[in-house]
Protein backbone atom coordinates (compact mmCIF):
# COMPACT_ATOMS: atom_id res chain seq x y z
CA MET A 1 8.76 15.45 1.11
CA ILE A 2 7.16 12.77 -1.06
CA GLU A 3 4.79 10.38 0.72
CA SER A 4 5.71 6.74 0.63
CA ARG A 5 3.64 4.62 -1.72
CA ARG A 6 2.00 2.84 1.24
CA GLU A 7 0.91 6.17 2.71
CA GLN A 8 -0.54 7.06 -0.70
CA TYR A 9 -2.47 3.77 -0.67
CA PHE A 10 -3.89 4.56 2.76
CA GLN A 11 -4.88 8.05 1.61
CA LEU A 12 -6.60 6.63 -1.46
CA ILE A 13 -8.50 4.15 0.70
CA GLN A 14 -9.57 6.99 2.99
CA ASP A 15 -10.69 8.99 -0.05
CA LEU A 16 -12.69 6.01 -1.32
CA VAL A 17 -14.51 5.38 1.95
CA SER A 18 -15.28 9.06 2.49
CA CYS A 19 -16.39 10.00 -1.03
CA PRO A 20 -20.09 10.27 -1.89
CA ASN A 21 -21.73 7.01 -2.91
CA GLY A 22 -21.21 6.40 -6.62
CA GLN A 23 -18.10 8.61 -6.89
CA GLU A 24 -15.67 5.72 -6.30
CA PRO A 25 -14.90 5.21 -10.02
CA ASP A 26 -13.96 8.89 -10.32
CA VAL A 27 -11.65 8.63 -7.32
CA LEU A 28 -10.02 5.52 -8.78
CA ASP A 29 -9.66 7.13 -12.22
CA ALA A 30 -7.95 10.13 -10.65
CA ASN A 31 -5.44 7.80 -8.98
CA LYS A 32 -4.73 5.25 -11.73
CA SER A 33 -1.00 5.29 -11.01
CA LEU A 34 -1.68 3.78 -7.57
CA ILE A 35 -3.85 0.90 -8.77
CA ASP A 36 -1.67 -2.21 -8.70
CA ALA A 37 -1.33 -5.54 -6.92
CA ASP A 38 0.18 -3.88 -3.84
CA PHE A 39 -2.81 -1.55 -3.57
CA VAL A 40 -5.16 -4.55 -3.75
CA GLN A 41 -3.15 -6.23 -0.98
CA THR A 42 -3.39 -3.06 1.11
CA LEU A 43 -7.18 -3.02 0.57
CA VAL A 44 -7.35 -6.58 1.92
CA GLU A 45 -5.20 -5.68 4.93
CA VAL A 46 -7.30 -2.63 5.77
CA SER A 47 -10.53 -4.57 5.32
CA THR A 48 -9.27 -7.22 7.73
CA ALA A 49 -8.47 -4.53 10.29
CA GLN A 50 -11.93 -3.01 9.78
CA ALA A 51 -13.58 -6.39 10.34
CA HIS A 52 -11.61 -6.92 13.56
CA GLN A 53 -12.70 -3.47 14.74
CA GLY A 54 -16.35 -4.36 14.15
CA ASN A 55 -16.85 -2.33 10.98
CA GLN A 56 -18.33 -5.11 8.86
CA ASP A 57 -19.85 -2.78 6.26
CA GLY A 58 -16.53 -1.04 5.69
CA ALA A 59 -14.73 -4.37 5.45
CA LYS A 60 -17.23 -5.71 2.91
CA PHE A 61 -16.91 -2.57 0.80
CA LEU A 62 -13.10 -2.79 0.73
CA ILE A 63 -13.17 -6.51 -0.11
CA PHE A 64 -15.62 -5.78 -2.93
CA LEU A 65 -13.24 -3.13 -4.28
CA ALA A 66 -10.26 -5.47 -3.94
CA ARG A 67 -12.09 -8.20 -5.85
CA GLN A 68 -13.16 -5.83 -8.65
CA LEU A 69 -9.70 -4.33 -9.03
CA SER A 70 -8.12 -7.79 -8.93
CA LYS A 71 -10.31 -8.84 -11.85
CA GLN A 72 -9.38 -5.69 -13.81
CA LEU A 73 -5.69 -6.28 -13.15
CA GLY A 74 -5.90 -9.96 -14.08
CA LEU A 75 -5.08 -11.10 -10.54
CA TYR A 76 -8.39 -12.78 -9.76
CA PRO A 77 -9.01 -16.13 -11.44
CA GLU A 78 -12.16 -16.47 -13.42
CA ILE A 79 -13.88 -19.73 -12.58
CA VAL A 80 -15.65 -21.28 -15.52
CA THR A 81 -18.34 -23.81 -14.72
CA GLU A 82 -19.64 -26.21 -17.29
CA SER A 83 -23.33 -26.95 -17.40
């Protein structure tokens, strides 16, 4: 039976938080087909749950990933400041 896309997102998030430090890009590259706006939204949801459970470091890591992926996908606005 094929896992639902949401279950695949959760598995990818688990893989990201459990991989050795610095291996995250490799994990993401191996799962390019899952990297989309819905995955970013799932990252935000899981990070919120982590924060509510007292895992601030995990929440910050997932938010950082969500922000970086949002920029790569063109979902995160670039703010230009004039000097």
